Amino acid sequence: MKRRPNDPMVAVLSEAFWALQRKINAADEPGRGTLADGWPARPAPRPPRSRTGPLPLAKQDEPLVADMHELIKSGAARSVSAAAKMMASKAVGAGSETSKAKRLERHYGKRRRGYH
């Protein structure tokens, strides 16, 4: 069924469309924060999200890194990874012994310049 421009249904839909369009345009005017009938024109900005992720453990690892250096220096450990594996059981954190050892190796590498 083809609708004609003078059909009452077309007139009702057209008026509803233009009324909504006027509300949207009014909300975009500077200084107006809501639509004509009180709906918020734009959502309020969200507060910044808190940082999630791993906690920095470098400060807790510092004594262990110093002990690793002493193990290597004394010859008890022949490499950084061997010293890290020896100290991994004393490291804080919820990770496995392997992940703690890798973390200690990383921290040792970052601090190595200061041990010469």
C-alpha atoms as a PDB file:
ATOM      1  CA  MET A   1       0.000   0.000   0.000  1.00  0.00           C
ATOM      2  CA  LYS A   2       1.497   3.296  -1.110  1.00  0.00           C
ATOM      3  CA  ARG A   3       1.185   6.284   1.232  1.00  0.00           C
ATOM      4  CA  ARG A   4       0.378   9.698  -0.083  1.00  0.00           C
ATOM      5  CA  PRO A   5       1.717  12.984   1.335  1.00  0.00           C
ATOM      6  CA  ASN A   6      -1.731  13.976   2.620  1.00  0.00           C
ATOM      7  CA  ASP A   7      -2.178  10.668   4.479  1.00  0.00           C
ATOM      8  CA  PRO A   8      -2.833  11.370   8.218  1.00  0.00           C
ATOM      9  CA  MET A   9      -0.293   8.745   9.323  1.00  0.00           C
ATOM     10  CA  VAL A  10       2.471  10.450   7.357  1.00  0.00           C
ATOM     11  CA  ALA A  11       1.566  13.777   8.952  1.00  0.00           C
ATOM     12  CA  VAL A  12       1.718  12.281  12.486  1.00  0.00           C
ATOM     13  CA  LEU A  13       5.060  10.583  11.883  1.00  0.00           C
ATOM     14  CA  SER A  14       6.467  13.660  10.207  1.00  0.00           C
ATOM     15  CA  GLU A  15       5.449  15.896  13.114  1.00  0.00           C
ATOM     16  CA  ALA A  16       6.982  13.448  15.647  1.00  0.00           C
ATOM     17  CA  PHE A  17      10.209  13.352  13.657  1.00  0.00           C
ATOM     18  CA  TRP A  18      10.521  17.124  13.475  1.00  0.00           C
ATOM     19  CA  ALA A  19       9.654  17.539  17.170  1.00  0.00           C
ATOM     20  CA  LEU A  20      12.485  15.171  18.085  1.00  0.00           C
ATOM     21  CA  GLN A  21      14.806  16.953  15.679  1.00  0.00           C
ATOM     22  CA  ARG A  22      14.025  20.298  17.357  1.00  0.00           C
ATOM     23  CA  LYS A  23      14.849  18.796  20.781  1.00  0.00           C
ATOM     24  CA  ILE A  24      18.162  17.454  19.525  1.00  0.00           C
ATOM     25  CA  ASN A  25      19.087  20.776  17.896  1.00  0.00           C
ATOM     26  CA  ALA A  26      18.116  22.716  21.027  1.00  0.00           C
ATOM     27  CA  ALA A  27      20.404  20.498  23.122  1.00  0.00           C
ATOM     28  CA  ASP A  28      23.335  21.249  20.829  1.00  0.00           C
ATOM     29  CA  GLU A  29      23.044  25.004  21.376  1.00  0.00           C
ATOM     30  CA  PRO A  30      25.802  26.439  23.579  1.00  0.00           C
ATOM     31  CA  GLY A  31      24.739  26.921  27.168  1.00  0.00           C
ATOM     32  CA  ARG A  32      22.001  24.302  27.087  1.00  0.00           C
ATOM     33  CA  GLY A  33      22.787  21.045  28.828  1.00  0.00           C
ATOM     34  CA  THR A  34      19.407  19.318  28.653  1.00  0.00           C
ATOM     35  CA  LEU A  35      16.685  18.677  26.120  1.00  0.00           C
ATOM     36  CA  ALA A  36      13.528  20.750  26.268  1.00  0.00           C
ATOM     37  CA  ASP A  37      11.684  18.177  28.392  1.00  0.00           C
ATOM     38  CA  GLY A  38      14.525  17.693  30.901  1.00  0.00           C
ATOM     39  CA  TRP A  39      16.307  14.629  29.518  1.00  0.00           C
ATOM     40  CA  PRO A  40      20.087  14.923  29.702  1.00  0.00           C
ATOM     41  CA  ALA A  41      21.460  15.941  26.326  1.00  0.00           C
ATOM     42  CA  ARG A  42      24.790  14.213  26.884  1.00  0.00           C
ATOM     43  CA  PRO A  43      25.803  11.660  29.481  1.00  0.00           C
ATOM     44  CA  ALA A  44      27.769  13.003  32.401  1.00  0.00           C
ATOM     45  CA  PRO A  45      31.519  12.371  32.157  1.00  0.00           C
ATOM     46  CA  ARG A  46      32.629   9.283  34.006  1.00  0.00           C
ATOM     47  CA  PRO A  47      35.183   9.551  36.792  1.00  0.00           C
ATOM     48  CA  PRO A  48      38.652   8.273  35.891  1.00  0.00           C
ATOM     49  CA  ARG A  49      39.073   4.557  36.364  1.00  0.00           C
ATOM     50  CA  SER A  50      41.384   3.353  39.041  1.00  0.00           C
ATOM     51  CA  ARG A  51      44.568   1.730  37.812  1.00  0.00           C
ATOM     52  CA  THR A  52      44.413  -2.020  37.765  1.00  0.00           C
ATOM     53  CA  GLY A  53      47.256  -4.340  37.118  1.00  0.00           C
ATOM     54  CA  PRO A  54      50.352  -5.605  38.808  1.00  0.00           C
ATOM     55  CA  LEU A  55      51.591  -3.851  41.904  1.00  0.00           C
ATOM     56  CA  PRO A  56      55.128  -2.514  41.701  1.00  0.00           C
ATOM     57  CA  LEU A  57      57.288  -4.877  43.753  1.00  0.00           C
ATOM     58  CA  ALA A  58      60.669  -3.327  43.015  1.00  0.00           C
ATOM     59  CA  LYS A  59      61.016  -1.848  46.503  1.00  0.00           C
ATOM     60  CA  GLN A  60      60.278  -5.192  48.183  1.00  0.00           C
ATOM     61  CA  ASP A  61      62.730  -6.916  45.819  1.00  0.00           C
ATOM     62  CA  GLU A  62      65.647  -4.544  46.505  1.00  0.00           C
ATOM     63  CA  PRO A  63      67.092  -6.542  49.452  1.00  0.00           C
ATOM     64  CA  LEU A  64      66.764  -9.769  47.443  1.00  0.00           C
ATOM     65  CA  VAL A  65      68.509  -8.200  44.451  1.00  0.00           C
ATOM     66  CA  ALA A  66      71.352  -7.102  46.732  1.00  0.00           C
ATOM     67  CA  ASP A  67      71.552 -10.665  48.110  1.00  0.00           C
ATOM     68  CA  MET A  68      71.599 -12.001  44.545  1.00  0.00           C
ATOM     69  CA  HIS A  69      74.548  -9.743  43.805  1.00  0.00           C
ATOM     70  CA  GLU A  70      76.387 -11.083  46.855  1.00  0.00           C
ATOM     71  CA  LEU A  71      75.673 -14.690  45.789  1.00  0.00           C
ATOM     72  CA  ILE A  72      77.098 -14.011  42.333  1.00  0.00           C
ATOM     73  CA  LYS A  73      80.066 -12.104  43.726  1.00  0.00           C
ATOM     74  CA  SER A  74      80.927 -14.857  46.233  1.00  0.00           C
ATOM     75  CA  GLY A  75      80.609 -17.606  43.613  1.00  0.00           C
ATOM     76  CA  ALA A  76      77.674 -19.394  45.287  1.00  0.00           C
ATOM     77  CA  ALA A  77      75.602 -18.658  42.183  1.00  0.00           C
ATOM     78  CA  ARG A  78      77.235 -18.829  38.761  1.00  0.00           C
ATOM     79  CA  SER A  79      74.666 -16.674  36.957  1.00  0.00           C
ATOM     80  CA  VAL A  80      71.908 -14.166  37.493  1.00  0.00           C
ATOM     81  CA  SER A  81      69.229 -16.765  36.776  1.00  0.00           C
ATOM     82  CA  ALA A  82      70.757 -19.211  39.283  1.00  0.00           C
ATOM     83  CA  ALA A  83      70.834 -16.490  41.954  1.00  0.00           C
ATOM     84  CA  ALA A  84      67.248 -15.509  41.121  1.00  0.00           C
ATOM     85  CA  LYS A  85      66.076 -19.114  41.475  1.00  0.00           C
ATOM     86  CA  MET A  86      67.783 -19.331  44.854  1.00  0.00           C
ATOM     87  CA  MET A  87      66.075 -16.149  46.076  1.00  0.00           C
ATOM     88  CA  ALA A  88      62.641 -16.714  44.468  1.00  0.00           C
ATOM     89  CA  SER A  89      61.215 -18.510  47.520  1.00  0.00           C
ATOM     90  CA  LYS A  90      61.828 -15.373  49.622  1.00  0.00           C
ATOM     91  CA  ALA A  91      60.169 -13.007  47.123  1.00  0.00           C
ATOM     92  CA  VAL A  92      56.739 -11.549  47.870  1.00  0.00           C
ATOM     93  CA  GLY A  93      53.804 -11.893  45.506  1.00  0.00           C
ATOM     94  CA  ALA A  94      51.248 -14.419  44.413  1.00  0.00           C
ATOM     95  CA  GLY A  95      53.150 -15.681  41.360  1.00  0.00           C
ATOM     96  CA  SER A  96      54.876 -18.999  40.907  1.00  0.00           C
ATOM     97  CA  GLU A  97      58.542 -19.525  41.796  1.00  0.00           C
ATOM     98  CA  THR A  98      59.406 -19.283  38.094  1.00  0.00           C
ATOM     99  CA  SER A  99      57.642 -15.940  37.627  1.00  0.00           C
ATOM    100  CA  LYS A 100      59.243 -14.560  40.802  1.00  0.00           C
ATOM    101  CA  ALA A 101      62.674 -15.642  39.553  1.00  0.00           C
ATOM    102  CA  LYS A 102      62.053 -13.907  36.210  1.00  0.00           C
ATOM    103  CA  ARG A 103      60.969 -10.757  38.027  1.00  0.00           C
ATOM    104  CA  LEU A 104      64.117 -10.823  40.192  1.00  0.00           C
ATOM    105  CA  GLU A 105      66.271 -11.277  37.071  1.00  0.00           C
ATOM    106  CA  ARG A 106      64.588  -8.256  35.495  1.00  0.00           C
ATOM    107  CA  HIS A 107      65.109  -6.137  38.589  1.00  0.00           C
ATOM    108  CA  TYR A 108      68.736  -7.265  38.850  1.00  0.00           C
ATOM    109  CA  GLY A 109      69.299  -6.250  35.225  1.00  0.00           C
ATOM    110  CA  LYS A 110      67.861  -2.791  35.872  1.00  0.00           C
ATOM    111  CA  ARG A 111      70.006  -2.299  38.992  1.00  0.00           C
ATOM    112  CA  ARG A 112      73.197  -4.006  37.745  1.00  0.00           C
ATOM    113  CA  ARG A 113      74.914  -0.758  36.788  1.00  0.00           C
ATOM    114  CA  GLY A 114      75.001   0.329  40.426  1.00  0.00           C
ATOM    115  CA  TYR A 115      76.816  -2.820  41.641  1.00  0.00           C
ATOM    116  CA  HIS A 116      80.146  -2.344  39.785  1.00  0.00           C
END
